[in-house]
PDB file of all heavy atoms in Angstrom:
ATOM      1  N   LYS A   1       0.835  -1.208   0.000  1.00  0.00           N
ATOM      2  CA  LYS A   1       0.000   0.000   0.000  1.00  0.00           C
ATOM      3  C   LYS A   1       0.867   1.255   0.000  1.00  0.00           C
ATOM      4  O   LYS A   1       0.611   2.199  -0.749  1.00  0.00           O
ATOM      5  CB  LYS A   1      -0.919   0.020   1.226  1.00  0.00           C
ATOM      6  CG  LYS A   1      -2.135  -0.854   1.113  1.00  0.00           C
ATOM      7  CD  LYS A   1      -3.026  -0.691   2.343  1.00  0.00           C
ATOM      8  CE  LYS A   1      -3.946  -1.900   2.473  1.00  0.00           C
ATOM      9  NZ  LYS A   1      -4.204  -2.287   3.852  1.00  0.00           N
ATOM     10  N   ILE A   2       1.871   1.279   0.869  1.00  0.00           N
ATOM     11  CA  ILE A   2       2.762   2.442   0.960  1.00  0.00           C
ATOM     12  C   ILE A   2       3.465   2.663  -0.376  1.00  0.00           C
ATOM     13  O   ILE A   2       3.541   3.798  -0.871  1.00  0.00           O
ATOM     14  CB  ILE A   2       3.789   2.259   2.103  1.00  0.00           C
ATOM     15  CG1 ILE A   2       3.082   2.205   3.463  1.00  0.00           C
ATOM     16  CG2 ILE A   2       4.832   3.374   2.082  1.00  0.00           C
ATOM     17  CD1 ILE A   2       3.980   1.719   4.603  1.00  0.00           C
ATOM     18  N   ALA A   3       3.959   1.579  -0.977  1.00  0.00           N
ATOM     19  CA  ALA A   3       4.672   1.679  -2.263  1.00  0.00           C
ATOM     20  C   ALA A   3       3.765   2.239  -3.348  1.00  0.00           C
ATOM     21  O   ALA A   3       4.201   3.055  -4.165  1.00  0.00           O
ATOM     22  CB  ALA A   3       5.209   0.305  -2.666  1.00  0.00           C
ATOM     23  N   GLU A   4       2.513   1.802  -3.348  1.00  0.00           N
ATOM     24  CA  GLU A   4       1.562   2.277  -4.356  1.00  0.00           C
ATOM     25  C   GLU A   4       1.372   3.794  -4.244  1.00  0.00           C
ATOM     26  O   GLU A   4       1.431   4.516  -5.242  1.00  0.00           O
ATOM     27  CB  GLU A   4       0.231   1.552  -4.162  1.00  0.00           C
ATOM     28  CG  GLU A   4      -0.692   1.626  -5.349  1.00  0.00           C
ATOM     29  CD  GLU A   4      -1.966   0.827  -5.123  1.00  0.00           C
ATOM     30  OE1 GLU A   4      -1.875  -0.338  -4.669  1.00  0.00           O
ATOM     31  OE2 GLU A   4      -3.054   1.387  -5.380  1.00  0.00           O
ATOM     32  N   VAL A   5       1.190   4.272  -3.021  1.00  0.00           N
ATOM     33  CA  VAL A   5       0.997   5.712  -2.783  1.00  0.00           C
ATOM     34  C   VAL A   5       2.266   6.479  -3.177  1.00  0.00           C
ATOM     35  O   VAL A   5       2.193   7.510  -3.861  1.00  0.00           O
ATOM     36  CB  VAL A   5       0.638   5.972  -1.298  1.00  0.00           C
ATOM     37  CG1 VAL A   5       0.700   7.451  -0.958  1.00  0.00           C
ATOM     38  CG2 VAL A   5      -0.736   5.393  -0.980  1.00  0.00           C
ATOM     39  N   ASP A   6       3.423   5.954  -2.759  1.00  0.00           N
ATOM     40  CA  ASP A   6       4.680   6.656  -3.050  1.00  0.00           C
ATOM     41  C   ASP A   6       5.027   6.634  -4.533  1.00  0.00           C
ATOM     42  O   ASP A   6       5.652   7.568  -5.032  1.00  0.00           O
ATOM     43  CB  ASP A   6       5.818   6.072  -2.212  1.00  0.00           C
ATOM     44  CG  ASP A   6       5.689   6.469  -0.751  1.00  0.00           C
ATOM     45  OD1 ASP A   6       5.271   7.615  -0.486  1.00  0.00           O
ATOM     46  OD2 ASP A   6       5.996   5.637   0.125  1.00  0.00           O
ATOM     47  N   PHE A   7       4.630   5.581  -5.232  1.00  0.00           N
ATOM     48  CA  PHE A   7       4.863   5.542  -6.679  1.00  0.00           C
ATOM     49  C   PHE A   7       4.075   6.662  -7.346  1.00  0.00           C
ATOM     50  O   PHE A   7       4.600   7.362  -8.218  1.00  0.00           O
ATOM     51  CB  PHE A   7       4.471   4.176  -7.260  1.00  0.00           C
ATOM     52  CG  PHE A   7       4.903   4.002  -8.685  1.00  0.00           C
ATOM     53  CD1 PHE A   7       6.173   3.524  -8.981  1.00  0.00           C
ATOM     54  CD2 PHE A   7       4.054   4.311  -9.741  1.00  0.00           C
ATOM     55  CE1 PHE A   7       6.584   3.362 -10.294  1.00  0.00           C
ATOM     56  CE2 PHE A   7       4.462   4.161 -11.058  1.00  0.00           C
ATOM     57  CZ  PHE A   7       5.731   3.678 -11.342  1.00  0.00           C
ATOM     58  N   GLU A   8       2.831   6.843  -6.927  1.00  0.00           N
ATOM     59  CA  GLU A   8       2.001   7.926  -7.463  1.00  0.00           C
ATOM     60  C   GLU A   8       2.637   9.287  -7.174  1.00  0.00           C
ATOM     61  O   GLU A   8       2.549  10.207  -7.987  1.00  0.00           O
ATOM     62  CB  GLU A   8       0.580   7.883  -6.875  1.00  0.00           C
ATOM     63  CG  GLU A   8      -0.242   6.687  -7.301  1.00  0.00           C
ATOM     64  CD  GLU A   8      -0.460   6.615  -8.805  1.00  0.00           C
ATOM     65  OE1 GLU A   8      -0.780   7.650  -9.426  1.00  0.00           O
ATOM     66  OE2 GLU A   8      -0.297   5.501  -9.355  1.00  0.00           O
ATOM     67  N   LYS A   9       3.275   9.412  -6.001  1.00  0.00           N
ATOM     68  CA  LYS A   9       3.931  10.672  -5.606  1.00  0.00           C
ATOM     69  C   LYS A   9       5.311  10.797  -6.250  1.00  0.00           C
ATOM     70  O   LYS A   9       6.005  11.789  -6.015  1.00  0.00           O
ATOM     71  CB  LYS A   9       4.103  10.731  -4.083  1.00  0.00           C
ATOM     72  CG  LYS A   9       2.832  10.929  -3.306  1.00  0.00           C
ATOM     73  CD  LYS A   9       3.187  11.334  -1.875  1.00  0.00           C
ATOM     74  CE  LYS A   9       2.582  10.418  -0.860  1.00  0.00           C
ATOM     75  NZ  LYS A   9       3.114  10.577   0.480  1.00  0.00           N
ATOM     76  N   ARG A  10       5.720   9.776  -6.994  1.00  0.00           N
ATOM     77  CA  ARG A  10       7.027   9.724  -7.662  1.00  0.00           C
ATOM     78  C   ARG A  10       8.184   9.720  -6.647  1.00  0.00           C
ATOM     79  O   ARG A  10       9.272  10.203  -6.944  1.00  0.00           O
ATOM     80  CB  ARG A  10       7.169  10.844  -8.697  1.00  0.00           C
ATOM     81  CG  ARG A  10       6.060  10.806  -9.750  1.00  0.00           C
ATOM     82  CD  ARG A  10       6.228  11.815 -10.860  1.00  0.00           C
ATOM     83  NE  ARG A  10       7.426  11.631 -11.665  1.00  0.00           N
ATOM     84  CZ  ARG A  10       7.599  10.711 -12.614  1.00  0.00           C
ATOM     85  NH1 ARG A  10       6.644   9.837 -12.867  1.00  0.00           N
ATOM     86  NH2 ARG A  10       8.727  10.646 -13.308  1.00  0.00           N
ATOM     87  N   ASP A  11       7.928   9.178  -5.465  1.00  0.00           N
ATOM     88  CA  ASP A  11       8.977   9.010  -4.447  1.00  0.00           C
ATOM     89  C   ASP A  11       9.556   7.600  -4.626  1.00  0.00           C
ATOM     90  O   ASP A  11       9.285   6.685  -3.862  1.00  0.00           O
ATOM     91  CB  ASP A  11       8.390   9.198  -3.041  1.00  0.00           C
ATOM     92  CG  ASP A  11       9.466   9.169  -1.951  1.00  0.00           C
ATOM     93  OD1 ASP A  11      10.628   8.807  -2.251  1.00  0.00           O
ATOM     94  OD2 ASP A  11       9.133   9.488  -0.795  1.00  0.00           O
ATOM     95  N   PHE A  12      10.371   7.453  -5.673  1.00  0.00           N
ATOM     96  CA  PHE A  12      10.847   6.135  -6.080  1.00  0.00           C
ATOM     97  C   PHE A  12      11.814   5.512  -5.074  1.00  0.00           C
ATOM     98  O   PHE A  12      11.878   4.299  -4.946  1.00  0.00           O
ATOM     99  CB  PHE A  12      11.462   6.205  -7.480  1.00  0.00           C
ATOM    100  CG  PHE A  12      10.504   6.750  -8.510  1.00  0.00           C
ATOM    101  CD1 PHE A  12      10.828   7.861  -9.269  1.00  0.00           C
ATOM    102  CD2 PHE A  12       9.251   6.162  -8.683  1.00  0.00           C
ATOM    103  CE1 PHE A  12       9.935   8.374 -10.209  1.00  0.00           C
ATOM    104  CE2 PHE A  12       8.347   6.668  -9.614  1.00  0.00           C
ATOM    105  CZ  PHE A  12       8.693   7.775 -10.380  1.00  0.00           C
ATOM    106  N   ARG A  13      12.543   6.359  -4.353  1.00  0.00           N
ATOM    107  CA  ARG A  13      13.442   5.825  -3.320  1.00  0.00           C
ATOM    108  C   ARG A  13      12.657   5.083  -2.247  1.00  0.00           C
ATOM    109  O   ARG A  13      13.050   4.017  -1.793  1.00  0.00           O
ATOM    110  CB  ARG A  13      14.267   6.956  -2.686  1.00  0.00           C
ATOM    111  CG  ARG A  13      15.731   6.912  -3.102  1.00  0.00           C
ATOM    112  CD  ARG A  13      16.650   7.772  -2.266  1.00  0.00           C
ATOM    113  NE  ARG A  13      16.392   9.195  -2.217  1.00  0.00           N
ATOM    114  CZ  ARG A  13      16.516  10.038  -3.227  1.00  0.00           C
ATOM    115  NH1 ARG A  13      16.856   9.592  -4.425  1.00  0.00           N
ATOM    116  NH2 ARG A  13      16.277  11.312  -3.068  1.00  0.00           N
ATOM    117  N   LYS A  14      11.538   5.673  -1.864  1.00  0.00           N
ATOM    118  CA  LYS A  14      10.706   5.040  -0.839  1.00  0.00           C
ATOM    119  C   LYS A  14      10.084   3.732  -1.363  1.00  0.00           C
ATOM    120  O   LYS A  14       9.962   2.763  -0.612  1.00  0.00           O
ATOM    121  CB  LYS A  14       9.612   6.011  -0.382  1.00  0.00           C
ATOM    122  CG  LYS A  14       8.797   5.512   0.778  1.00  0.00           C
ATOM    123  CD  LYS A  14       8.876   6.416   1.994  1.00  0.00           C
ATOM    124  CE  LYS A  14       7.999   5.924   3.112  1.00  0.00           C
ATOM    125  NZ  LYS A  14       6.779   6.702   3.274  1.00  0.00           N
ATOM    126  N   VAL A  15       9.726   3.722  -2.645  1.00  0.00           N
ATOM    127  CA  VAL A  15       9.169   2.495  -3.234  1.00  0.00           C
ATOM    128  C   VAL A  15      10.229   1.390  -3.207  1.00  0.00           C
ATOM    129  O   VAL A  15       9.930   0.249  -2.844  1.00  0.00           O
ATOM    130  CB  VAL A  15       8.666   2.727  -4.679  1.00  0.00           C
ATOM    131  CG1 VAL A  15       8.181   1.414  -5.291  1.00  0.00           C
ATOM    132  CG2 VAL A  15       7.552   3.771  -4.698  1.00  0.00           C
ATOM    133  N   VAL A  16      11.472   1.736  -3.552  1.00  0.00           N
ATOM    134  CA  VAL A  16      12.555   0.750  -3.517  1.00  0.00           C
ATOM    135  C   VAL A  16      12.711   0.212  -2.089  1.00  0.00           C
ATOM    136  O   VAL A  16      12.825  -1.008  -1.877  1.00  0.00           O
ATOM    137  CB  VAL A  16      13.895   1.343  -4.028  1.00  0.00           C
ATOM    138  CG1 VAL A  16      15.055   0.402  -3.752  1.00  0.00           C
ATOM    139  CG2 VAL A  16      13.801   1.661  -5.516  1.00  0.00           C
ATOM    140  N   PHE A  17      12.677   1.113  -1.115  1.00  0.00           N
ATOM    141  CA  PHE A  17      12.763   0.706   0.292  1.00  0.00           C
ATOM    142  C   PHE A  17      11.638  -0.281   0.636  1.00  0.00           C
ATOM    143  O   PHE A  17      11.877  -1.345   1.224  1.00  0.00           O
ATOM    144  CB  PHE A  17      12.694   1.937   1.213  1.00  0.00           C
ATOM    145  CG  PHE A  17      12.595   1.580   2.675  1.00  0.00           C
ATOM    146  CD1 PHE A  17      13.738   1.274   3.407  1.00  0.00           C
ATOM    147  CD2 PHE A  17      11.363   1.535   3.310  1.00  0.00           C
ATOM    148  CE1 PHE A  17      13.645   0.925   4.760  1.00  0.00           C
ATOM    149  CE2 PHE A  17      11.263   1.188   4.667  1.00  0.00           C
ATOM    150  CZ  PHE A  17      12.413   0.878   5.384  1.00  0.00           C
ATOM    151  N   CYS A  18      10.411   0.066   0.268  1.00  0.00           N
ATOM    152  CA  CYS A  18       9.257  -0.791   0.570  1.00  0.00           C
ATOM    153  C   CYS A  18       9.369  -2.153  -0.111  1.00  0.00           C
ATOM    154  O   CYS A  18       9.064  -3.186   0.491  1.00  0.00           O
ATOM    155  CB  CYS A  18       7.957  -0.108   0.142  1.00  0.00           C
ATOM    156  SG  CYS A  18       7.493   1.269   1.206  1.00  0.00           S
ATOM    157  N   MET A  19       9.826  -2.152  -1.360  1.00  0.00           N
ATOM    158  CA  MET A  19       9.962  -3.421  -2.079  1.00  0.00           C
ATOM    159  C   MET A  19      11.065  -4.282  -1.455  1.00  0.00           C
ATOM    160  O   MET A  19      10.929  -5.501  -1.365  1.00  0.00           O
ATOM    161  CB  MET A  19      10.216  -3.187  -3.569  1.00  0.00           C
ATOM    162  CG  MET A  19       9.007  -2.648  -4.319  1.00  0.00           C
ATOM    163  SD  MET A  19       7.524  -3.713  -4.197  1.00  0.00           S
ATOM    164  CE  MET A  19       6.611  -3.007  -2.837  1.00  0.00           C
ATOM    165  N   ASP A  20      12.141  -3.651  -1.008  1.00  0.00           N
ATOM    166  CA  ASP A  20      13.187  -4.411  -0.309  1.00  0.00           C
ATOM    167  C   ASP A  20      12.620  -5.089   0.930  1.00  0.00           C
ATOM    168  O   ASP A  20      12.902  -6.260   1.201  1.00  0.00           O
ATOM    169  CB  ASP A  20      14.365  -3.502   0.084  1.00  0.00           C
ATOM    170  CG  ASP A  20      15.306  -3.229  -1.071  1.00  0.00           C
ATOM    171  OD1 ASP A  20      15.327  -4.026  -2.037  1.00  0.00           O
ATOM    172  OD2 ASP A  20      16.036  -2.218  -1.002  1.00  0.00           O
ATOM    173  N   ARG A  21      11.822  -4.355   1.703  1.00  0.00           N
ATOM    174  CA  ARG A  21      11.225  -4.936   2.917  1.00  0.00           C
ATOM    175  C   ARG A  21      10.248  -6.053   2.551  1.00  0.00           C
ATOM    176  O   ARG A  21      10.235  -7.115   3.174  1.00  0.00           O
ATOM    177  CB  ARG A  21      10.478  -3.864   3.730  1.00  0.00           C
ATOM    178  CG  ARG A  21      11.302  -2.694   4.259  1.00  0.00           C
ATOM    179  CD  ARG A  21      12.357  -3.014   5.292  1.00  0.00           C
ATOM    180  NE  ARG A  21      13.616  -3.541   4.787  1.00  0.00           N
ATOM    181  CZ  ARG A  21      14.531  -2.863   4.067  1.00  0.00           C
ATOM    182  NH1 ARG A  21      14.342  -1.612   3.747  1.00  0.00           N
ATOM    183  NH2 ARG A  21      15.639  -3.445   3.675  1.00  0.00           N
ATOM    184  N   ALA A  22       9.406  -5.817   1.541  1.00  0.00           N
ATOM    185  CA  ALA A  22       8.418  -6.823   1.136  1.00  0.00           C
ATOM    186  C   ALA A  22       9.110  -8.090   0.620  1.00  0.00           C
ATOM    187  O   ALA A  22       8.667  -9.206   0.902  1.00  0.00           O
ATOM    188  CB  ALA A  22       7.484  -6.249   0.073  1.00  0.00           C
ATOM    189  N   LEU A  23      10.216  -7.907  -0.095  1.00  0.00           N
ATOM    190  CA  LEU A  23      10.937  -9.060  -0.649  1.00  0.00           C
ATOM    191  C   LEU A  23      11.597  -9.916   0.429  1.00  0.00           C
ATOM    192  O   LEU A  23      11.925 -11.075   0.181  1.00  0.00           O
ATOM    193  CB  LEU A  23      11.976  -8.603  -1.689  1.00  0.00           C
ATOM    194  CG  LEU A  23      11.377  -8.223  -3.045  1.00  0.00           C
ATOM    195  CD1 LEU A  23      12.359  -7.384  -3.858  1.00  0.00           C
ATOM    196  CD2 LEU A  23      10.937  -9.460  -3.815  1.00  0.00           C
ATOM    197  N   GLU A  24      11.768  -9.375   1.637  1.00  0.00           N
ATOM    198  CA  GLU A  24      12.287 -10.190   2.739  1.00  0.00           C
ATOM    199  C   GLU A  24      11.298 -11.316   3.073  1.00  0.00           C
ATOM    200  O   GLU A  24      11.702 -12.394   3.496  1.00  0.00           O
ATOM    201  CB  GLU A  24      12.532  -9.324   3.981  1.00  0.00           C
ATOM    202  CG  GLU A  24      13.688  -8.364   3.825  1.00  0.00           C
ATOM    203  CD  GLU A  24      13.794  -7.367   4.968  1.00  0.00           C
ATOM    204  OE1 GLU A  24      13.122  -7.549   6.013  1.00  0.00           O
ATOM    205  OE2 GLU A  24      14.553  -6.397   4.809  1.00  0.00           O
ATOM    206  N   PHE A  25      10.009 -11.043   2.879  1.00  0.00           N
ATOM    207  CA  PHE A  25       8.966 -12.037   3.158  1.00  0.00           C
ATOM    208  C   PHE A  25       8.504 -12.744   1.888  1.00  0.00           C
ATOM    209  O   PHE A  25       7.941 -13.826   1.956  1.00  0.00           O
ATOM    210  CB  PHE A  25       7.749 -11.368   3.813  1.00  0.00           C
ATOM    211  CG  PHE A  25       8.070 -10.677   5.108  1.00  0.00           C
ATOM    212  CD1 PHE A  25       8.190  -9.290   5.166  1.00  0.00           C
ATOM    213  CD2 PHE A  25       8.271 -11.406   6.268  1.00  0.00           C
ATOM    214  CE1 PHE A  25       8.487  -8.651   6.362  1.00  0.00           C
ATOM    215  CE2 PHE A  25       8.570 -10.774   7.472  1.00  0.00           C
ATOM    216  CZ  PHE A  25       8.684  -9.396   7.516  1.00  0.00           C
ATOM    217  N   ALA A  26       8.700 -12.098   0.750  1.00  0.00           N
ATOM    218  CA  ALA A  26       8.215 -12.616  -0.534  1.00  0.00           C
ATOM    219  C   ALA A  26       9.359 -12.686  -1.544  1.00  0.00           C
ATOM    220  O   ALA A  26       9.343 -12.006  -2.570  1.00  0.00           O
ATOM    221  CB  ALA A  26       7.097 -11.706  -1.044  1.00  0.00           C
ATOM    222  N   PRO A  27      10.377 -13.526  -1.256  1.00  0.00           N
ATOM    223  CA  PRO A  27      11.584 -13.529  -2.093  1.00  0.00           C
ATOM    224  C   PRO A  27      11.370 -14.003  -3.524  1.00  0.00           C
ATOM    225  O   PRO A  27      12.210 -13.741  -4.389  1.00  0.00           O
ATOM    226  CB  PRO A  27      12.519 -14.485  -1.346  1.00  0.00           C
ATOM    227  CG  PRO A  27      11.611 -15.381  -0.574  1.00  0.00           C
ATOM    228  CD  PRO A  27      10.439 -14.521  -0.187  1.00  0.00           C
ATOM    229  N   ALA A  28      10.257 -14.669  -3.808  1.00  0.00           N
ATOM    230  CA  ALA A  28      10.014 -15.188  -5.149  1.00  0.00           C
ATOM    231  C   ALA A  28       8.976 -14.363  -5.916  1.00  0.00           C
ATOM    232  O   ALA A  28       8.436 -14.815  -6.915  1.00  0.00           O
ATOM    233  CB  ALA A  28       9.558 -16.644  -5.058  1.00  0.00           C
ATOM    234  N   CYS A  29       8.705 -13.145  -5.439  1.00  0.00           N
ATOM    235  CA  CYS A  29       7.674 -12.316  -6.067  1.00  0.00           C
ATOM    236  C   CYS A  29       8.258 -11.500  -7.221  1.00  0.00           C
ATOM    237  O   CYS A  29       8.992 -10.528  -6.996  1.00  0.00           O
ATOM    238  CB  CYS A  29       7.021 -11.389  -5.037  1.00  0.00           C
ATOM    239  SG  CYS A  29       5.728 -10.367  -5.771  1.00  0.00           S
ATOM    240  N   HIS A  30       7.913 -11.894  -8.452  1.00  0.00           N
ATOM    241  CA  HIS A  30       8.405 -11.176  -9.635  1.00  0.00           C
ATOM    242  C   HIS A  30       7.868  -9.745  -9.684  1.00  0.00           C
ATOM    243  O   HIS A  30       8.577  -8.822 -10.084  1.00  0.00           O
ATOM    244  CB  HIS A  30       8.008 -11.916 -10.915  1.00  0.00           C
ATOM    245  CG  HIS A  30       8.619 -13.276 -11.031  1.00  0.00           C
ATOM    246  ND1 HIS A  30       9.971 -13.502 -10.911  1.00  0.00           N
ATOM    247  CD2 HIS A  30       8.060 -14.491 -11.241  1.00  0.00           C
ATOM    248  CE1 HIS A  30      10.217 -14.780 -11.046  1.00  0.00           C
ATOM    249  NE2 HIS A  30       9.080 -15.413 -11.233  1.00  0.00           N
ATOM    250  N   ARG A  31       6.622  -9.567  -9.280  1.00  0.00           N
ATOM    251  CA  ARG A  31       5.990  -8.241  -9.332  1.00  0.00           C
ATOM    252  C   ARG A  31       6.767  -7.229  -8.492  1.00  0.00           C
ATOM    253  O   ARG A  31       7.023  -6.105  -8.931  1.00  0.00           O
ATOM    254  CB  ARG A  31       4.542  -8.382  -8.820  1.00  0.00           C
ATOM    255  CG  ARG A  31       3.632  -7.231  -9.066  1.00  0.00           C
ATOM    256  CD  ARG A  31       2.174  -7.623  -8.783  1.00  0.00           C
ATOM    257  NE  ARG A  31       1.999  -8.552  -7.675  1.00  0.00           N
ATOM    258  CZ  ARG A  31       1.761  -8.163  -6.413  1.00  0.00           C
ATOM    259  NH1 ARG A  31       1.658  -6.899  -6.109  1.00  0.00           N
ATOM    260  NH2 ARG A  31       1.598  -9.074  -5.456  1.00  0.00           N
ATOM    261  N   PHE A  32       7.157  -7.622  -7.281  1.00  0.00           N
ATOM    262  CA  PHE A  32       7.918  -6.720  -6.408  1.00  0.00           C
ATOM    263  C   PHE A  32       9.288  -6.419  -7.006  1.00  0.00           C
ATOM    264  O   PHE A  32       9.770  -5.290  -6.948  1.00  0.00           O
ATOM    265  CB  PHE A  32       8.093  -7.312  -5.011  1.00  0.00           C
ATOM    266  CG  PHE A  32       6.822  -7.478  -4.216  1.00  0.00           C
ATOM    267  CD1 PHE A  32       6.821  -8.237  -3.057  1.00  0.00           C
ATOM    268  CD2 PHE A  32       5.621  -6.895  -4.609  1.00  0.00           C
ATOM    269  CE1 PHE A  32       5.656  -8.397  -2.301  1.00  0.00           C
ATOM    270  CE2 PHE A  32       4.454  -7.054  -3.873  1.00  0.00           C
ATOM    271  CZ  PHE A  32       4.473  -7.809  -2.720  1.00  0.00           C
ATOM    272  N   LYS A  33       9.925  -7.421  -7.587  1.00  0.00           N
ATOM    273  CA  LYS A  33      11.248  -7.232  -8.187  1.00  0.00           C
ATOM    274  C   LYS A  33      11.173  -6.288  -9.385  1.00  0.00           C
ATOM    275  O   LYS A  33      12.030  -5.425  -9.554  1.00  0.00           O
ATOM    276  CB  LYS A  33      11.852  -8.579  -8.603  1.00  0.00           C
ATOM    277  CG  LYS A  33      12.244  -9.442  -7.422  1.00  0.00           C
ATOM    278  CD  LYS A  33      12.748 -10.805  -7.876  1.00  0.00           C
ATOM    279  CE  LYS A  33      13.012 -11.713  -6.686  1.00  0.00           C
ATOM    280  NZ  LYS A  33      13.398 -13.062  -7.101  1.00  0.00           N
ATOM    281  N   ILE A  34      10.134  -6.458 -10.198  1.00  0.00           N
ATOM    282  CA  ILE A  34       9.980  -5.599 -11.378  1.00  0.00           C
ATOM    283  C   ILE A  34       9.723  -4.151 -10.968  1.00  0.00           C
ATOM    284  O   ILE A  34      10.306  -3.221 -11.527  1.00  0.00           O
ATOM    285  CB  ILE A  34       8.862  -6.139 -12.300  1.00  0.00           C
ATOM    286  CG1 ILE A  34       9.331  -7.444 -12.951  1.00  0.00           C
ATOM    287  CG2 ILE A  34       8.457  -5.111 -13.350  1.00  0.00           C
ATOM    288  CD1 ILE A  34       8.232  -8.246 -13.619  1.00  0.00           C
ATOM    289  N   LEU A  35       8.870  -3.962  -9.963  1.00  0.00           N
ATOM    290  CA  LEU A  35       8.587  -2.606  -9.476  1.00  0.00           C
ATOM    291  C   LEU A  35       9.862  -1.974  -8.919  1.00  0.00           C
ATOM    292  O   LEU A  35      10.152  -0.797  -9.192  1.00  0.00           O
ATOM    293  CB  LEU A  35       7.482  -2.625  -8.416  1.00  0.00           C
ATOM    294  CG  LEU A  35       7.085  -1.264  -7.835  1.00  0.00           C
ATOM    295  CD1 LEU A  35       6.651  -0.292  -8.928  1.00  0.00           C
ATOM    296  CD2 LEU A  35       5.965  -1.449  -6.811  1.00  0.00           C
ATOM    297  N   LYS A  36      10.635  -2.739  -8.185  1.00  0.00           N
ATOM    298  CA  LYS A  36      11.900  -2.232  -7.640  1.00  0.00           C
ATOM    299  C   LYS A  36      12.847  -1.849  -8.783  1.00  0.00           C
ATOM    300  O   LYS A  36      13.440  -0.763  -8.767  1.00  0.00           O
ATOM    301  CB  LYS A  36      12.549  -3.296  -6.744  1.00  0.00           C
ATOM    302  CG  LYS A  36      13.896  -2.874  -6.198  1.00  0.00           C
ATOM    303  CD  LYS A  36      14.536  -3.960  -5.362  1.00  0.00           C
ATOM    304  CE  LYS A  36      15.958  -3.566  -4.960  1.00  0.00           C
ATOM    305  NZ  LYS A  36      16.599  -4.598  -4.134  1.00  0.00           N
TER     306      LYS A  36
END
């Protein structure tokens, strides 16, 4: 949710941060990797 909002705000650094955290729990998620 946070990444979605920050992507809209063009705060890409924060999206990368969020995707890094999400990937700790979802290491096989292609969607998160592509967004990052």
